[in-house]
Protein backbone atom coordinates (compact mmCIF):
# COMPACT_ATOMS: atom_id res chain seq x y z
CA UNK A 1 -16.18 -19.66 -25.14
CA UNK A 2 -17.42 -16.25 -26.22
CA UNK A 3 -15.93 -14.16 -23.40
CA UNK A 4 -13.75 -14.76 -20.40
CA UNK A 5 -16.16 -13.14 -17.95
CA UNK A 6 -13.96 -13.30 -14.83
CA UNK A 7 -11.16 -11.67 -16.86
CA UNK A 8 -13.58 -9.00 -18.13
CA UNK A 9 -14.67 -8.14 -14.59
CA UNK A 10 -11.10 -8.11 -13.27
CA UNK A 11 -9.92 -6.04 -16.23
CA UNK A 12 -12.37 -3.27 -15.37
CA UNK A 13 -11.07 -2.89 -11.82
CA UNK A 14 -8.28 -0.41 -12.69
CA UNK A 15 -10.67 1.77 -14.70
CA UNK A 16 -13.25 1.69 -11.90
CA UNK A 17 -10.53 2.67 -9.41
CA UNK A 18 -9.70 5.63 -11.65
CA UNK A 19 -13.37 6.62 -11.81
CA UNK A 20 -13.69 6.42 -8.02
CA UNK A 21 -10.64 8.68 -7.68
CA UNK A 22 -11.75 11.11 -10.37
CA UNK A 23 -15.35 11.47 -9.27
CA UNK A 24 -15.29 10.49 -5.59
CA UNK A 25 -18.53 12.12 -4.48
CA UNK A 26 -20.50 10.70 -7.40
CA UNK A 27 -19.08 7.24 -6.79
CA UNK A 28 -19.76 7.46 -3.04
CA UNK A 29 -23.35 8.31 -3.93
CA UNK A 30 -23.52 5.41 -6.37
CA UNK A 31 -22.11 3.04 -3.74
CA UNK A 32 -24.68 4.25 -1.22
CA UNK A 33 -27.43 3.69 -3.78
CA UNK A 34 -26.16 0.16 -4.46
CA UNK A 35 -26.01 -0.67 -0.74
CA UNK A 36 -29.54 0.62 -0.21
CA UNK A 37 -30.91 -1.23 -3.24
CA UNK A 38 -29.23 -4.52 -2.23
CA UNK A 39 -30.34 -4.41 1.40
CA UNK A 40 -32.34 -7.52 2.18
CA UNK A 41 -35.91 -6.60 3.03
CA UNK A 42 -38.92 -8.14 1.27
CA UNK A 43 -36.48 -9.57 -1.32
CA UNK A 44 -33.24 -11.29 -0.39
CA UNK A 45 -29.91 -10.27 -1.92
CA UNK A 46 -29.78 -13.31 -4.21
CA UNK A 47 -33.14 -12.40 -5.74
CA UNK A 48 -32.00 -8.82 -6.20
CA UNK A 49 -28.82 -9.97 -7.96
CA UNK A 50 -30.89 -12.17 -10.27
CA UNK A 51 -33.06 -9.15 -11.08
CA UNK A 52 -29.93 -7.10 -11.78
CA UNK A 53 -28.62 -9.86 -14.06
CA UNK A 54 -31.91 -9.88 -15.98
CA UNK A 55 -31.77 -6.11 -16.38
CA UNK A 56 -28.14 -6.34 -17.52
CA UNK A 57 -29.24 -8.76 -20.23
CA UNK A 58 -32.25 -6.67 -21.27
CA UNK A 59 -30.17 -3.48 -21.58
CA UNK A 60 -27.21 -5.38 -23.14
CA UNK A 61 -24.43 -4.34 -20.76
CA UNK A 62 -21.47 -6.76 -20.91
CA UNK A 63 -19.77 -5.46 -17.78
CA UNK A 64 -23.07 -5.54 -15.88
CA UNK A 65 -23.57 -9.17 -16.95
CA UNK A 66 -20.09 -10.03 -15.65
CA UNK A 67 -20.47 -8.32 -12.28
CA UNK A 68 -24.02 -9.51 -11.59
CA UNK A 69 -23.33 -13.09 -12.74
CA UNK A 70 -20.42 -13.14 -10.29
CA UNK A 71 -22.59 -11.67 -7.54
CA UNK A 72 -25.36 -14.21 -8.25
CA UNK A 73 -22.85 -17.04 -7.83
CA UNK A 74 -21.57 -15.53 -4.58
CA UNK A 75 -25.15 -15.25 -3.31
CA UNK A 76 -25.75 -18.94 -3.99
CA UNK A 77 -27.93 -18.69 -7.08
CA UNK A 78 -28.37 -22.00 -8.85
CA UNK A 79 -28.03 -22.50 -12.56
CA UNK A 80 -31.77 -23.29 -12.70
CA UNK A 81 -32.55 -19.97 -11.02
CA UNK A 82 -30.34 -18.15 -13.52
CA UNK A 83 -32.04 -19.98 -16.41
CA UNK A 84 -35.48 -18.97 -15.17
CA UNK A 85 -34.26 -15.40 -14.70
CA UNK A 86 -32.96 -15.42 -18.28
CA UNK A 87 -36.40 -16.50 -19.43
CA UNK A 88 -37.81 -13.31 -17.91
CA UNK A 89 -35.01 -11.24 -19.44
CA UNK A 90 -35.75 -12.67 -22.89
CA UNK A 91 -39.45 -12.05 -22.40
CA UNK A 92 -38.76 -8.40 -21.57
CA UNK A 93 -35.87 -7.80 -23.98
CA UNK A 94 -36.85 -9.85 -27.06
CA UNK A 95 -34.30 -11.03 -29.65
CA UNK A 96 -31.25 -9.07 -28.48
CA UNK A 97 -31.85 -10.34 -24.96
CA UNK A 98 -31.65 -13.92 -26.26
CA UNK A 99 -28.03 -13.32 -27.28
CA UNK A 100 -27.15 -11.66 -23.97
CA UNK A 101 -28.97 -14.36 -22.00
CA UNK A 102 -26.69 -16.95 -23.61
CA UNK A 103 -23.71 -14.85 -22.56
CA UNK A 104 -25.07 -14.47 -19.02
CA UNK A 105 -25.31 -18.26 -18.69
CA UNK A 106 -21.73 -18.53 -19.94
CA UNK A 107 -20.67 -15.91 -17.37
CA UNK A 108 -22.52 -17.69 -14.55
CA UNK A 109 -20.89 -21.00 -15.47
CA UNK A 110 -17.41 -19.46 -15.52
CA UNK A 111 -17.84 -17.75 -12.15
CA UNK A 112 -19.38 -20.90 -10.64
CA UNK A 113 -16.43 -22.97 -11.89
CA UNK A 114 -14.00 -20.43 -10.42
CA UNK A 115 -15.77 -20.56 -7.06
CA UNK A 116 -15.80 -24.37 -7.10
CA UNK A 117 -12.08 -24.41 -7.91
CA UNK A 118 -11.34 -22.01 -5.01
CA UNK A 119 -13.33 -24.20 -2.61
CA UNK A 120 -11.41 -27.33 -3.59
């Protein structure tokens, strides 16, 4: 295992809390932007999370991979959907995206296993 993605996401929570407290208006604006972007219209939320995961891979953002892999699992994305999404990320991001795509699959698998364990 390369990273423990659920641990990475959870480990950022205190720092994000500090950021929200230190820059409340900026973070309120960011939260409003996120809500607006994720609102289901022509695209459903799952599709939007898959797009966000692909962008996270293409721009090589570990924390973004963690949070959007988790969100994709929560939205019901299948492993096949994530694999196809990673194909687009690799197409758009070339060689470095290949390495991050592998990590995104690892993150998806870890979050999916966590969700399955919680359901049992």
